[in-house]
Protein backbone atom coordinates (compact mmCIF):
# COMPACT_ATOMS: atom_id res chain seq x y z
CA UNK A 1 -66.71 -10.11 -264.55
CA UNK A 2 -64.46 -7.37 -262.77
CA UNK A 3 -61.97 -9.91 -261.44
CA UNK A 4 -61.56 -11.10 -265.07
CA UNK A 5 -61.01 -7.44 -266.38
CA UNK A 6 -58.39 -6.76 -263.75
CA UNK A 7 -56.68 -10.19 -264.40
CA UNK A 8 -56.45 -9.14 -268.34
CA UNK A 9 -55.20 -5.65 -267.38
CA UNK A 10 -52.64 -7.13 -265.17
CA UNK A 11 -51.45 -9.36 -267.88
CA UNK A 12 -51.37 -6.58 -270.55
CA UNK A 13 -49.37 -4.31 -268.17
CA UNK A 14 -46.84 -7.09 -267.30
CA UNK A 15 -46.53 -8.26 -270.98
CA UNK A 16 -45.66 -4.54 -272.24
CA UNK A 17 -43.41 -3.62 -269.38
CA UNK A 18 -39.56 -4.22 -269.53
CA UNK A 19 -36.80 -3.02 -272.02
CA UNK A 20 -34.95 -5.03 -274.44
CA UNK A 21 -31.19 -4.35 -274.73
CA UNK A 22 -30.91 -4.92 -278.23
CA UNK A 23 -33.31 -1.87 -278.74
CA UNK A 24 -30.19 0.15 -278.16
CA UNK A 25 -27.72 -1.51 -280.64
CA UNK A 26 -27.59 1.38 -282.97
CA UNK A 27 -27.22 4.28 -280.15
CA UNK A 28 -24.07 6.18 -279.41
CA UNK A 29 -21.54 6.67 -278.01
CA UNK A 30 -20.81 3.13 -278.27
CA UNK A 31 -20.38 1.77 -274.49
CA UNK A 32 -16.96 0.04 -273.95
CA UNK A 33 -17.23 -1.39 -270.32
CA UNK A 34 -13.52 -2.07 -269.99
CA UNK A 35 -12.73 1.47 -271.02
CA UNK A 36 -15.52 3.26 -268.96
CA UNK A 37 -14.82 1.32 -265.82
CA UNK A 38 -11.05 1.84 -265.57
CA UNK A 39 -9.86 4.30 -263.29
CA UNK A 40 -11.77 6.62 -260.79
CA UNK A 41 -15.45 7.20 -260.99
CA UNK A 42 -17.58 9.48 -258.72
CA UNK A 43 -21.09 10.01 -258.46
CA UNK A 44 -24.31 10.65 -256.50
CA UNK A 45 -27.74 9.43 -256.49
CA UNK A 46 -30.91 8.58 -254.78
CA UNK A 47 -33.12 5.30 -253.59
CA UNK A 48 -36.80 5.54 -254.31
CA UNK A 49 -39.51 3.09 -252.72
CA UNK A 50 -42.26 1.66 -254.53
CA UNK A 51 -44.21 4.80 -254.30
CA UNK A 52 -41.44 6.70 -255.91
CA UNK A 53 -40.86 8.52 -252.58
CA UNK A 54 -37.10 9.22 -252.15
CA UNK A 55 -35.88 7.18 -249.04
CA UNK A 56 -31.99 7.80 -249.25
CA UNK A 57 -29.53 10.18 -250.74
CA UNK A 58 -25.94 9.07 -251.58
CA UNK A 59 -22.58 9.86 -252.68
CA UNK A 60 -20.75 6.96 -254.82
CA UNK A 61 -16.95 6.48 -255.53
CA UNK A 62 -15.32 3.56 -257.25
CA UNK A 63 -11.93 2.52 -258.73
CA UNK A 64 -11.65 -0.10 -261.54
CA UNK A 65 -8.63 -1.87 -263.47
CA UNK A 66 -8.49 -4.49 -265.67
CA UNK A 67 -6.02 -7.16 -266.51
CA UNK A 68 -6.81 -8.76 -269.88
CA UNK A 69 -10.53 -9.88 -269.73
CA UNK A 70 -10.58 -9.77 -265.81
CA UNK A 71 -11.64 -6.76 -263.91
CA UNK A 72 -12.18 -5.41 -260.64
CA UNK A 73 -14.24 -2.61 -259.47
CA UNK A 74 -14.39 -1.32 -256.03
CA UNK A 75 -17.24 0.68 -254.80
CA UNK A 76 -18.10 2.72 -252.08
CA UNK A 77 -21.67 4.23 -251.23
CA UNK A 78 -21.89 6.66 -248.36
CA UNK A 79 -25.70 7.63 -247.56
CA UNK A 80 -26.35 10.98 -246.03
CA UNK A 81 -27.42 9.21 -242.57
CA UNK A 82 -23.76 8.12 -242.48
CA UNK A 83 -24.39 4.40 -243.55
CA UNK A 84 -21.50 3.12 -245.71
CA UNK A 85 -21.83 0.30 -248.14
CA UNK A 86 -18.60 -1.01 -249.60
CA UNK A 87 -18.55 -3.77 -252.60
CA UNK A 88 -15.91 -5.22 -254.62
CA UNK A 89 -17.03 -6.65 -257.98
CA UNK A 90 -14.93 -9.05 -260.19
CA UNK A 91 -15.43 -8.96 -263.97
CA UNK A 92 -15.12 -11.67 -266.58
CA UNK A 93 -15.55 -10.86 -270.37
CA UNK A 94 -17.31 -13.56 -271.99
CA UNK A 95 -17.75 -11.66 -275.45
CA UNK A 96 -17.61 -8.08 -276.90
CA UNK A 97 -21.31 -7.71 -275.57
CA UNK A 98 -21.40 -9.94 -272.69
CA UNK A 99 -19.86 -10.00 -269.25
CA UNK A 100 -20.35 -11.82 -265.96
CA UNK A 101 -19.68 -10.22 -262.40
CA UNK A 102 -19.81 -11.37 -258.81
CA UNK A 103 -19.51 -9.66 -255.32
CA UNK A 104 -20.09 -11.21 -252.02
CA UNK A 105 -23.78 -10.31 -251.78
CA UNK A 106 -25.04 -11.46 -255.23
CA UNK A 107 -26.46 -14.54 -255.27
CA UNK A 108 -24.61 -16.47 -258.20
CA UNK A 109 -23.47 -14.15 -261.13
CA UNK A 110 -24.59 -10.95 -262.57
CA UNK A 111 -25.29 -11.25 -266.18
CA UNK A 112 -24.18 -8.20 -268.25
CA UNK A 113 -25.38 -7.37 -271.72
CA UNK A 114 -24.11 -4.21 -273.62
CA UNK A 115 -25.58 -2.88 -276.92
CA UNK A 116 -24.72 0.68 -278.29
CA UNK A 117 -24.69 3.25 -275.51
CA UNK A 118 -26.27 0.69 -272.99
CA UNK A 119 -25.68 -1.82 -270.28
CA UNK A 120 -28.10 -4.08 -268.50
CA UNK A 121 -27.11 -6.34 -265.41
CA UNK A 122 -29.51 -8.92 -264.01
CA UNK A 123 -28.70 -10.24 -260.75
CA UNK A 124 -30.41 -11.63 -257.46
CA UNK A 125 -28.79 -9.87 -254.42
CA UNK A 126 -29.93 -10.29 -250.47
CA UNK A 127 -30.58 -6.62 -249.13
CA UNK A 128 -30.39 -5.90 -245.34
CA UNK A 129 -32.78 -3.27 -244.40
CA UNK A 130 -32.98 -2.55 -240.71
CA UNK A 131 -33.23 -6.12 -238.93
CA UNK A 132 -34.42 -7.88 -242.00
CA UNK A 133 -33.03 -9.26 -245.10
CA UNK A 134 -34.77 -9.26 -248.54
CA UNK A 135 -33.84 -11.19 -251.68
CA UNK A 136 -34.36 -9.19 -254.65
CA UNK A 137 -34.11 -9.39 -258.29
CA UNK A 138 -32.46 -6.33 -260.03
CA UNK A 139 -32.75 -4.99 -263.24
CA UNK A 140 -29.79 -2.68 -263.70
CA UNK A 141 -29.75 -0.12 -266.84
CA UNK A 142 -26.84 2.24 -267.56
CA UNK A 143 -26.73 4.62 -270.23
CA UNK A 144 -23.37 6.27 -271.70
CA UNK A 145 -24.29 9.80 -272.35
CA UNK A 146 -20.64 10.84 -273.47
CA UNK A 147 -17.06 9.50 -272.71
CA UNK A 148 -17.14 10.70 -268.86
CA UNK A 149 -20.82 10.73 -267.97
CA UNK A 150 -23.23 7.70 -267.34
CA UNK A 151 -26.77 7.37 -265.87
CA UNK A 152 -27.60 4.28 -264.04
CA UNK A 153 -31.45 3.05 -263.20
CA UNK A 154 -31.70 0.24 -261.14
CA UNK A 155 -35.04 -1.52 -260.69
CA UNK A 156 -35.44 -3.77 -257.39
CA UNK A 157 -38.02 -6.44 -258.02
CA UNK A 158 -39.69 -9.01 -255.79
CA UNK A 159 -41.97 -11.57 -257.57
CA UNK A 160 -41.79 -9.52 -260.75
CA UNK A 161 -43.01 -6.56 -259.03
CA UNK A 162 -40.82 -3.32 -258.69
CA UNK A 163 -40.63 -2.54 -254.92
CA UNK A 164 -37.94 0.20 -255.45
CA UNK A 165 -35.54 2.18 -257.61
CA UNK A 166 -32.20 3.54 -257.76
CA UNK A 167 -31.05 6.49 -259.92
CA UNK A 168 -27.16 7.17 -259.92
CA UNK A 169 -25.13 9.86 -262.24
CA UNK A 170 -21.67 8.68 -262.55
CA UNK A 171 -18.85 10.52 -263.83
CA UNK A 172 -15.24 9.13 -264.91
CA UNK A 173 -12.46 11.27 -263.35
CA UNK A 174 -9.31 12.16 -265.13
């Protein structure tokens, strides 16, 4: 009986979890990806493990530009331990509310949905940790606060279970 109750609770928790991009369609200010990701962006953030413990802190910088419906975003993450990650994202606009993006360590393409002030990226990435590589699902949420400030919450999942999180505060530079 105890196992049955635990199974029902687990299904209920999984069924109730997750956000829907359409819940944000009426929020403002409206996020325009090509406008926000254009020029220089700086920021800082933290990475947390599955228990919520902060495991890394970092500074973020990026530069983006567009040519019609194609965009490039070069990002650089510098961790407080000195480790540096660089990544070049290539964007393609599908519609006003949908984009695709690729980069070397993403498996396939990142699917990007936009509604209101929010953006959700879903993708699979191989993540190297020490001497091991883990294939993780990313559920990446971004919320535009005003024309310069954006907050990013990224959930790393394995088999549907969140194993880590990233919080990033970004500021568009003049």
